[in-house]
């Protein structure tokens, strides 16, 4: 499989999974879509048109009591709420520029990779997919839907910020880039 087909496959599957999990978060963790007579198409339309649903949040769904629950959250900023105090238009513009710049960098880097560098191709594709997954939220709503909530052993005061699948794709992609450097970087590190 060519690196471009691999990128397209990861991008399409990743974006579909990201949006589907966010739809499920809205559907299951809020009452915003809870109209029994509404069909799937109407609920999907509502998913993309309704805004600010935290008031409709239900109790968190407990996956594993001491550590993990699913909770609907809206994040207008970046990780840890970074830039959340900027206006919605400024945030959307800023994250748009960052997403486009990161996309250009990733595509240029991907173009330079050799066919045998599959792991780097996958890593870059995951980062690109995650970035676009969250940016689609920003374009549609002005904020990102988060729903995975981890805390430390029944200590809500010790928690990891709530996140989503797109965030996970970025973290896994960056982790792969850090753990498995390209052949040129590995050769340079071996010479030192």
C-alpha atoms as a PDB file:
ATOM      1  CA  UNK A   1       0.000   0.000   0.000  1.00  0.00           C
ATOM      2  CA  UNK A   2       1.377   3.416  -0.905  1.00  0.00           C
ATOM      3  CA  UNK A   3       1.943   6.004   1.810  1.00  0.00           C
ATOM      4  CA  UNK A   4      -0.798   8.186   0.310  1.00  0.00           C
ATOM      5  CA  UNK A   5      -3.349   5.373   0.370  1.00  0.00           C
ATOM      6  CA  UNK A   6      -2.306   4.569   3.931  1.00  0.00           C
ATOM      7  CA  UNK A   7      -2.799   8.238   4.864  1.00  0.00           C
ATOM      8  CA  UNK A   8      -6.211   8.363   3.146  1.00  0.00           C
ATOM      9  CA  UNK A   9      -7.346   5.150   4.861  1.00  0.00           C
ATOM     10  CA  UNK A  10      -6.248   6.299   8.328  1.00  0.00           C
ATOM     11  CA  UNK A  11      -7.741   9.754   7.747  1.00  0.00           C
ATOM     12  CA  UNK A  12     -11.148   8.480   6.589  1.00  0.00           C
ATOM     13  CA  UNK A  13     -11.444   5.719   9.198  1.00  0.00           C
ATOM     14  CA  UNK A  14     -10.051   7.907  11.986  1.00  0.00           C
ATOM     15  CA  UNK A  15     -12.305  10.891  11.242  1.00  0.00           C
ATOM     16  CA  UNK A  16     -15.364   8.641  10.966  1.00  0.00           C
ATOM     17  CA  UNK A  17     -14.536   6.937  14.280  1.00  0.00           C
ATOM     18  CA  UNK A  18     -13.836  10.271  15.975  1.00  0.00           C
ATOM     19  CA  UNK A  19     -17.108  11.828  14.861  1.00  0.00           C
ATOM     20  CA  UNK A  20     -19.039   8.636  15.650  1.00  0.00           C
ATOM     21  CA  UNK A  21     -17.677   8.488  19.200  1.00  0.00           C
ATOM     22  CA  UNK A  22     -18.498  12.165  19.729  1.00  0.00           C
ATOM     23  CA  UNK A  23     -22.018  11.546  18.409  1.00  0.00           C
ATOM     24  CA  UNK A  24     -22.370   8.642  20.847  1.00  0.00           C
ATOM     25  CA  UNK A  25     -21.107  10.866  23.666  1.00  0.00           C
ATOM     26  CA  UNK A  26     -23.789  13.454  22.910  1.00  0.00           C
ATOM     27  CA  UNK A  27     -26.421  10.751  22.423  1.00  0.00           C
ATOM     28  CA  UNK A  28     -25.610   8.767  25.590  1.00  0.00           C
ATOM     29  CA  UNK A  29     -24.165  11.375  27.964  1.00  0.00           C
ATOM     30  CA  UNK A  30     -26.697  14.177  27.381  1.00  0.00           C
ATOM     31  CA  UNK A  31     -30.450  14.351  26.898  1.00  0.00           C
ATOM     32  CA  UNK A  32     -30.101  16.698  23.907  1.00  0.00           C
ATOM     33  CA  UNK A  33     -30.917  13.986  21.326  1.00  0.00           C
ATOM     34  CA  UNK A  34     -33.407  12.090  23.493  1.00  0.00           C
ATOM     35  CA  UNK A  35     -36.504  12.217  21.301  1.00  0.00           C
ATOM     36  CA  UNK A  36     -37.788   8.678  20.682  1.00  0.00           C
ATOM     37  CA  UNK A  37     -39.558   9.646  17.442  1.00  0.00           C
ATOM     38  CA  UNK A  38     -36.377  11.157  15.936  1.00  0.00           C
ATOM     39  CA  UNK A  39     -34.675   9.007  13.336  1.00  0.00           C
ATOM     40  CA  UNK A  40     -30.929   8.649  12.930  1.00  0.00           C
ATOM     41  CA  UNK A  41     -30.700  11.329  10.203  1.00  0.00           C
ATOM     42  CA  UNK A  42     -32.527  13.856  12.386  1.00  0.00           C
ATOM     43  CA  UNK A  43     -30.309  13.023  15.378  1.00  0.00           C
ATOM     44  CA  UNK A  44     -27.148  13.399  13.281  1.00  0.00           C
ATOM     45  CA  UNK A  45     -28.386  16.774  11.994  1.00  0.00           C
ATOM     46  CA  UNK A  46     -29.082  17.836  15.591  1.00  0.00           C
ATOM     47  CA  UNK A  47     -25.603  16.634  16.591  1.00  0.00           C
ATOM     48  CA  UNK A  48     -24.057  19.115  14.162  1.00  0.00           C
ATOM     49  CA  UNK A  49     -26.475  22.012  14.794  1.00  0.00           C
ATOM     50  CA  UNK A  50     -27.156  22.017  18.554  1.00  0.00           C
ATOM     51  CA  UNK A  51     -24.695  23.983  20.675  1.00  0.00           C
ATOM     52  CA  UNK A  52     -23.608  24.136  24.305  1.00  0.00           C
ATOM     53  CA  UNK A  53     -25.135  20.941  25.627  1.00  0.00           C
ATOM     54  CA  UNK A  54     -23.438  20.793  29.034  1.00  0.00           C
ATOM     55  CA  UNK A  55     -26.724  21.863  30.629  1.00  0.00           C
ATOM     56  CA  UNK A  56     -28.220  18.636  29.208  1.00  0.00           C
ATOM     57  CA  UNK A  57     -25.473  16.405  30.612  1.00  0.00           C
ATOM     58  CA  UNK A  58     -26.517  13.272  32.443  1.00  0.00           C
ATOM     59  CA  UNK A  59     -24.642  11.644  35.277  1.00  0.00           C
ATOM     60  CA  UNK A  60     -21.280  10.268  34.114  1.00  0.00           C
ATOM     61  CA  UNK A  61     -21.251   6.655  32.965  1.00  0.00           C
ATOM     62  CA  UNK A  62     -18.865   4.711  35.177  1.00  0.00           C
ATOM     63  CA  UNK A  63     -16.663   2.324  33.204  1.00  0.00           C
ATOM     64  CA  UNK A  64     -14.386   1.379  36.110  1.00  0.00           C
ATOM     65  CA  UNK A  65     -15.237   3.197  39.329  1.00  0.00           C
ATOM     66  CA  UNK A  66     -11.811   3.980  40.761  1.00  0.00           C
ATOM     67  CA  UNK A  67     -10.291   5.225  37.492  1.00  0.00           C
ATOM     68  CA  UNK A  68     -12.531   5.731  34.485  1.00  0.00           C
ATOM     69  CA  UNK A  69     -15.849   7.252  33.598  1.00  0.00           C
ATOM     70  CA  UNK A  70     -17.444   8.776  30.512  1.00  0.00           C
ATOM     71  CA  UNK A  71     -18.588  12.372  30.965  1.00  0.00           C
ATOM     72  CA  UNK A  72     -19.769  14.932  28.406  1.00  0.00           C
ATOM     73  CA  UNK A  73     -17.567  18.046  28.345  1.00  0.00           C
ATOM     74  CA  UNK A  74     -17.037  20.971  25.982  1.00  0.00           C
ATOM     75  CA  UNK A  75     -13.513  22.324  25.576  1.00  0.00           C
ATOM     76  CA  UNK A  76     -13.252  25.652  23.758  1.00  0.00           C
ATOM     77  CA  UNK A  77      -9.472  25.709  24.204  1.00  0.00           C
ATOM     78  CA  UNK A  78      -6.651  23.277  23.619  1.00  0.00           C
ATOM     79  CA  UNK A  79      -5.177  20.797  26.095  1.00  0.00           C
ATOM     80  CA  UNK A  80      -5.894  21.745  29.700  1.00  0.00           C
ATOM     81  CA  UNK A  81      -8.182  24.531  28.452  1.00  0.00           C
ATOM     82  CA  UNK A  82      -5.278  26.515  26.943  1.00  0.00           C
ATOM     83  CA  UNK A  83      -6.599  29.628  25.105  1.00  0.00           C
ATOM     84  CA  UNK A  84     -10.162  29.076  26.310  1.00  0.00           C
ATOM     85  CA  UNK A  85     -10.483  32.749  27.278  1.00  0.00           C
ATOM     86  CA  UNK A  86     -10.019  34.018  23.699  1.00  0.00           C
ATOM     87  CA  UNK A  87     -13.104  34.883  21.653  1.00  0.00           C
ATOM     88  CA  UNK A  88     -14.658  32.018  19.669  1.00  0.00           C
ATOM     89  CA  UNK A  89     -13.697  33.591  16.326  1.00  0.00           C
ATOM     90  CA  UNK A  90     -10.089  34.156  17.433  1.00  0.00           C
ATOM     91  CA  UNK A  91      -9.811  30.571  18.691  1.00  0.00           C
ATOM     92  CA  UNK A  92     -11.280  29.139  15.492  1.00  0.00           C
ATOM     93  CA  UNK A  93      -8.896  31.248  13.383  1.00  0.00           C
ATOM     94  CA  UNK A  94      -5.895  30.361  15.556  1.00  0.00           C
ATOM     95  CA  UNK A  95      -6.616  26.624  15.568  1.00  0.00           C
ATOM     96  CA  UNK A  96      -7.350  26.764  11.825  1.00  0.00           C
ATOM     97  CA  UNK A  97      -3.943  28.289  11.130  1.00  0.00           C
ATOM     98  CA  UNK A  98      -2.248  25.772  13.445  1.00  0.00           C
ATOM     99  CA  UNK A  99      -4.101  22.848  11.831  1.00  0.00           C
ATOM    100  CA  UNK A 100      -3.232  24.010   8.309  1.00  0.00           C
ATOM    101  CA  UNK A 101       0.422  24.633   9.223  1.00  0.00           C
ATOM    102  CA  UNK A 102       0.697  21.237  10.933  1.00  0.00           C
ATOM    103  CA  UNK A 103      -1.008  19.597   7.942  1.00  0.00           C
ATOM    104  CA  UNK A 104       1.442  21.213   5.507  1.00  0.00           C
ATOM    105  CA  UNK A 105       4.410  20.146   7.633  1.00  0.00           C
ATOM    106  CA  UNK A 106       3.109  16.576   7.985  1.00  0.00           C
ATOM    107  CA  UNK A 107       2.364  16.242   4.265  1.00  0.00           C
ATOM    108  CA  UNK A 108       5.809  17.570   3.313  1.00  0.00           C
ATOM    109  CA  UNK A 109       7.473  15.241   5.805  1.00  0.00           C
ATOM    110  CA  UNK A 110       5.351  12.320   4.606  1.00  0.00           C
ATOM    111  CA  UNK A 111       6.327  13.053   1.005  1.00  0.00           C
ATOM    112  CA  UNK A 112       9.999  12.673   1.924  1.00  0.00           C
ATOM    113  CA  UNK A 113       9.564   9.319   3.647  1.00  0.00           C
ATOM    114  CA  UNK A 114      10.619   6.162   1.904  1.00  0.00           C
ATOM    115  CA  UNK A 115       8.160   3.313   1.304  1.00  0.00           C
ATOM    116  CA  UNK A 116       9.816   1.167   3.997  1.00  0.00           C
ATOM    117  CA  UNK A 117       9.196   3.790   6.709  1.00  0.00           C
ATOM    118  CA  UNK A 118       5.657   2.565   7.366  1.00  0.00           C
ATOM    119  CA  UNK A 119       5.636   3.238  11.104  1.00  0.00           C
ATOM    120  CA  UNK A 120       6.518   6.897  10.566  1.00  0.00           C
ATOM    121  CA  UNK A 121       3.830   7.112   7.878  1.00  0.00           C
ATOM    122  CA  UNK A 122       1.253   5.722  10.303  1.00  0.00           C
ATOM    123  CA  UNK A 123       2.427   8.018  13.115  1.00  0.00           C
ATOM    124  CA  UNK A 124       2.175  11.137  10.949  1.00  0.00           C
ATOM    125  CA  UNK A 125      -1.208  10.024   9.622  1.00  0.00           C
ATOM    126  CA  UNK A 126      -2.527   9.579  13.182  1.00  0.00           C
ATOM    127  CA  UNK A 127      -1.395  13.073  14.203  1.00  0.00           C
ATOM    128  CA  UNK A 128      -2.975  14.605  11.090  1.00  0.00           C
ATOM    129  CA  UNK A 129      -6.231  12.707  11.636  1.00  0.00           C
ATOM    130  CA  UNK A 130      -6.457  13.770  15.286  1.00  0.00           C
ATOM    131  CA  UNK A 131      -5.776  17.401  14.442  1.00  0.00           C
ATOM    132  CA  UNK A 132      -8.508  17.422  11.798  1.00  0.00           C
ATOM    133  CA  UNK A 133     -10.943  15.542  14.034  1.00  0.00           C
ATOM    134  CA  UNK A 134     -10.789  18.277  16.650  1.00  0.00           C
ATOM    135  CA  UNK A 135     -10.772  21.044  14.060  1.00  0.00           C
ATOM    136  CA  UNK A 136     -13.987  19.696  12.530  1.00  0.00           C
ATOM    137  CA  UNK A 137     -15.569  20.148  15.974  1.00  0.00           C
ATOM    138  CA  UNK A 138     -14.302  23.719  16.157  1.00  0.00           C
ATOM    139  CA  UNK A 139     -15.726  24.514  12.736  1.00  0.00           C
ATOM    140  CA  UNK A 140     -19.103  22.953  13.544  1.00  0.00           C
ATOM    141  CA  UNK A 141     -19.501  24.199  17.126  1.00  0.00           C
ATOM    142  CA  UNK A 142     -16.661  26.464  18.232  1.00  0.00           C
ATOM    143  CA  UNK A 143     -15.468  23.911  20.798  1.00  0.00           C
ATOM    144  CA  UNK A 144     -14.315  20.296  21.007  1.00  0.00           C
ATOM    145  CA  UNK A 145     -16.465  17.537  22.502  1.00  0.00           C
ATOM    146  CA  UNK A 146     -14.559  15.536  25.118  1.00  0.00           C
ATOM    147  CA  UNK A 147     -15.889  12.544  27.018  1.00  0.00           C
ATOM    148  CA  UNK A 148     -13.194  10.217  28.405  1.00  0.00           C
ATOM    149  CA  UNK A 149     -12.583  11.107  32.048  1.00  0.00           C
ATOM    150  CA  UNK A 150      -9.744   9.467  33.989  1.00  0.00           C
ATOM    151  CA  UNK A 151      -8.975  10.102  37.633  1.00  0.00           C
ATOM    152  CA  UNK A 152      -6.699   8.417  40.124  1.00  0.00           C
ATOM    153  CA  UNK A 153      -8.195   5.763  42.377  1.00  0.00           C
ATOM    154  CA  UNK A 154     -11.402   7.430  43.525  1.00  0.00           C
ATOM    155  CA  UNK A 155      -9.675  10.804  43.767  1.00  0.00           C
ATOM    156  CA  UNK A 156     -11.563  13.268  41.516  1.00  0.00           C
ATOM    157  CA  UNK A 157      -9.002  15.912  42.495  1.00  0.00           C
ATOM    158  CA  UNK A 158      -6.267  13.836  40.795  1.00  0.00           C
ATOM    159  CA  UNK A 159      -7.398  13.628  37.196  1.00  0.00           C
ATOM    160  CA  UNK A 160      -6.249  13.761  33.621  1.00  0.00           C
ATOM    161  CA  UNK A 161      -8.107  16.388  31.567  1.00  0.00           C
ATOM    162  CA  UNK A 162     -11.152  14.948  29.804  1.00  0.00           C
ATOM    163  CA  UNK A 163     -10.279  13.923  26.227  1.00  0.00           C
ATOM    164  CA  UNK A 164     -11.615  12.264  23.069  1.00  0.00           C
ATOM    165  CA  UNK A 165     -10.526   9.895  20.295  1.00  0.00           C
ATOM    166  CA  UNK A 166      -8.899  12.670  18.224  1.00  0.00           C
ATOM    167  CA  UNK A 167      -6.718  13.614  21.202  1.00  0.00           C
ATOM    168  CA  UNK A 168      -5.764   9.945  21.585  1.00  0.00           C
ATOM    169  CA  UNK A 169      -4.777   9.703  17.912  1.00  0.00           C
ATOM    170  CA  UNK A 170      -2.484  12.720  18.316  1.00  0.00           C
ATOM    171  CA  UNK A 171      -0.878  11.316  21.485  1.00  0.00           C
ATOM    172  CA  UNK A 172      -0.334   7.857  19.971  1.00  0.00           C
ATOM    173  CA  UNK A 173       1.073   9.392  16.762  1.00  0.00           C
ATOM    174  CA  UNK A 174       3.486  11.671  18.636  1.00  0.00           C
ATOM    175  CA  UNK A 175       4.428   8.786  20.950  1.00  0.00           C
ATOM    176  CA  UNK A 176       5.318   6.628  17.952  1.00  0.00           C
ATOM    177  CA  UNK A 177       7.403   9.464  16.507  1.00  0.00           C
ATOM    178  CA  UNK A 178       9.309   9.807  19.783  1.00  0.00           C
ATOM    179  CA  UNK A 179       9.748   6.090  20.440  1.00  0.00           C
ATOM    180  CA  UNK A 180      10.664   5.052  16.911  1.00  0.00           C
ATOM    181  CA  UNK A 181      12.716   7.754  15.209  1.00  0.00           C
ATOM    182  CA  UNK A 182      13.350   7.588  11.486  1.00  0.00           C
ATOM    183  CA  UNK A 183      16.427   5.762  10.176  1.00  0.00           C
ATOM    184  CA  UNK A 184      18.413   8.998   9.732  1.00  0.00           C
ATOM    185  CA  UNK A 185      17.751  10.099  13.313  1.00  0.00           C
ATOM    186  CA  UNK A 186      18.550   6.615  14.664  1.00  0.00           C
ATOM    187  CA  UNK A 187      21.818   6.535  12.696  1.00  0.00           C
ATOM    188  CA  UNK A 188      22.752  10.015  13.950  1.00  0.00           C
ATOM    189  CA  UNK A 189      22.012   9.003  17.546  1.00  0.00           C
ATOM    190  CA  UNK A 190      24.131   5.860  17.156  1.00  0.00           C
ATOM    191  CA  UNK A 191      27.126   7.953  15.966  1.00  0.00           C
ATOM    192  CA  UNK A 192      26.984  10.191  19.067  1.00  0.00           C
END
